[in-house]
Amino acid sequence: MKQRILVYTQYVFDGVFDVVAESKEEARQKVLQDCGLVMGGSIHSTLPDDEINWAFDRHPNKRIDRITKVQEQHLE
């Protein structure tokens, strides 16, 4: 009998942002606030091109956290 099962999965892209900044904390804040990745899109940044560059793998590492059966609820 087929059943519904939830597979909790993470896709992790490993890489590096090369940031122009005055300190490690400023570089960290720039990456947190101005850099991102959207599923179905690409890595992007709102920083000027002369302040940011990046190198990331094109394919993520896949991690499966847990697998859970969905309990079917019968309605009366």
C-alpha atoms as a PDB file:
ATOM      1  CA  MET A   1       0.000   0.000   0.000  1.00  0.00           C
ATOM      2  CA  LYS A   2       1.425   3.364  -0.990  1.00  0.00           C
ATOM      3  CA  GLN A   3       1.637   6.016   1.693  1.00  0.00           C
ATOM      4  CA  ARG A   4       2.672   9.641   1.998  1.00  0.00           C
ATOM      5  CA  ILE A   5       6.132  10.180   3.447  1.00  0.00           C
ATOM      6  CA  LEU A   6       7.866  13.497   4.200  1.00  0.00           C
ATOM      7  CA  VAL A   7      11.591  13.578   3.419  1.00  0.00           C
ATOM      8  CA  TYR A   8      13.239  16.594   5.100  1.00  0.00           C
ATOM      9  CA  THR A   9      16.096  17.602   2.823  1.00  0.00           C
ATOM     10  CA  GLN A  10      18.750  20.320   2.721  1.00  0.00           C
ATOM     11  CA  TYR A  11      20.643  21.445  -0.370  1.00  0.00           C
ATOM     12  CA  VAL A  12      23.937  23.039   0.645  1.00  0.00           C
ATOM     13  CA  PHE A  13      25.977  25.111  -1.795  1.00  0.00           C
ATOM     14  CA  ASP A  14      29.552  25.526  -0.589  1.00  0.00           C
ATOM     15  CA  GLY A  15      31.597  28.438  -1.799  1.00  0.00           C
ATOM     16  CA  VAL A  16      33.275  31.711  -0.992  1.00  0.00           C
ATOM     17  CA  PHE A  17      32.426  35.396  -1.319  1.00  0.00           C
ATOM     18  CA  ASP A  18      35.441  37.639  -2.017  1.00  0.00           C
ATOM     19  CA  VAL A  19      34.416  40.942  -0.376  1.00  0.00           C
ATOM     20  CA  VAL A  20      36.099  44.358  -0.175  1.00  0.00           C
ATOM     21  CA  ALA A  21      35.653  45.582   3.422  1.00  0.00           C
ATOM     22  CA  GLU A  22      37.508  47.308   6.254  1.00  0.00           C
ATOM     23  CA  SER A  23      37.045  44.444   8.725  1.00  0.00           C
ATOM     24  CA  LYS A  24      35.905  40.834   9.020  1.00  0.00           C
ATOM     25  CA  GLU A  25      32.686  42.001  10.674  1.00  0.00           C
ATOM     26  CA  GLU A  26      31.923  44.433   7.841  1.00  0.00           C
ATOM     27  CA  ALA A  27      32.560  41.674   5.294  1.00  0.00           C
ATOM     28  CA  ARG A  28      30.269  39.351   7.253  1.00  0.00           C
ATOM     29  CA  GLN A  29      27.503  41.966   7.368  1.00  0.00           C
ATOM     30  CA  LYS A  30      27.796  42.666   3.628  1.00  0.00           C
ATOM     31  CA  VAL A  31      27.371  38.979   2.813  1.00  0.00           C
ATOM     32  CA  LEU A  32      24.454  38.572   5.254  1.00  0.00           C
ATOM     33  CA  GLN A  33      22.621  41.675   4.017  1.00  0.00           C
ATOM     34  CA  ASP A  34      23.543  41.928   0.335  1.00  0.00           C
ATOM     35  CA  CYS A  35      24.170  38.419  -1.008  1.00  0.00           C
ATOM     36  CA  GLY A  36      21.847  35.515  -1.615  1.00  0.00           C
ATOM     37  CA  LEU A  37      20.612  32.627  -3.684  1.00  0.00           C
ATOM     38  CA  VAL A  38      17.076  31.922  -4.859  1.00  0.00           C
ATOM     39  CA  MET A  39      15.990  28.449  -5.891  1.00  0.00           C
ATOM     40  CA  GLY A  40      15.614  28.397  -9.654  1.00  0.00           C
ATOM     41  CA  GLY A  41      17.754  31.528  -9.913  1.00  0.00           C
ATOM     42  CA  SER A  42      21.390  32.235  -9.316  1.00  0.00           C
ATOM     43  CA  ILE A  43      23.727  33.682  -6.720  1.00  0.00           C
ATOM     44  CA  HIS A  44      23.254  37.428  -6.590  1.00  0.00           C
ATOM     45  CA  SER A  45      24.424  40.510  -4.750  1.00  0.00           C
ATOM     46  CA  THR A  46      23.298  44.122  -4.469  1.00  0.00           C
ATOM     47  CA  LEU A  47      26.899  45.238  -3.878  1.00  0.00           C
ATOM     48  CA  PRO A  48      28.834  46.966  -6.694  1.00  0.00           C
ATOM     49  CA  ASP A  49      30.837  44.581  -8.896  1.00  0.00           C
ATOM     50  CA  ASP A  50      34.139  46.063  -7.700  1.00  0.00           C
ATOM     51  CA  GLU A  51      33.286  45.090  -4.081  1.00  0.00           C
ATOM     52  CA  ILE A  52      32.158  41.478  -4.536  1.00  0.00           C
ATOM     53  CA  ASN A  53      32.995  38.301  -6.387  1.00  0.00           C
ATOM     54  CA  TRP A  54      32.121  34.685  -5.651  1.00  0.00           C
ATOM     55  CA  ALA A  55      32.972  31.092  -6.440  1.00  0.00           C
ATOM     56  CA  PHE A  56      30.409  28.393  -5.635  1.00  0.00           C
ATOM     57  CA  ASP A  57      29.918  24.834  -6.805  1.00  0.00           C
ATOM     58  CA  ARG A  58      27.116  24.514  -9.345  1.00  0.00           C
ATOM     59  CA  HIS A  59      25.761  21.381  -7.707  1.00  0.00           C
ATOM     60  CA  PRO A  60      24.821  21.290  -4.021  1.00  0.00           C
ATOM     61  CA  ASN A  61      25.516  18.638  -1.438  1.00  0.00           C
ATOM     62  CA  LYS A  62      22.267  16.896  -0.570  1.00  0.00           C
ATOM     63  CA  ARG A  63      21.530  16.050   3.071  1.00  0.00           C
ATOM     64  CA  ILE A  64      18.491  14.121   4.231  1.00  0.00           C
ATOM     65  CA  ASP A  65      17.672  14.947   7.844  1.00  0.00           C
ATOM     66  CA  ARG A  66      14.748  12.699   8.650  1.00  0.00           C
ATOM     67  CA  ILE A  67      11.918  10.750   7.072  1.00  0.00           C
ATOM     68  CA  THR A  68       8.425  10.765   8.575  1.00  0.00           C
ATOM     69  CA  LYS A  69       5.251   8.917   7.626  1.00  0.00           C
ATOM     70  CA  VAL A  70       2.198  11.154   7.259  1.00  0.00           C
ATOM     71  CA  GLN A  71      -0.614   9.976   9.527  1.00  0.00           C
ATOM     72  CA  GLU A  72      -3.831   9.753   7.555  1.00  0.00           C
ATOM     73  CA  GLN A  73      -6.818  11.267   9.308  1.00  0.00           C
ATOM     74  CA  HIS A  74     -10.179   9.722   8.591  1.00  0.00           C
ATOM     75  CA  LEU A  75     -13.104  12.145   8.462  1.00  0.00           C
ATOM     76  CA  GLU A  76     -16.546  10.985   9.591  1.00  0.00           C
END
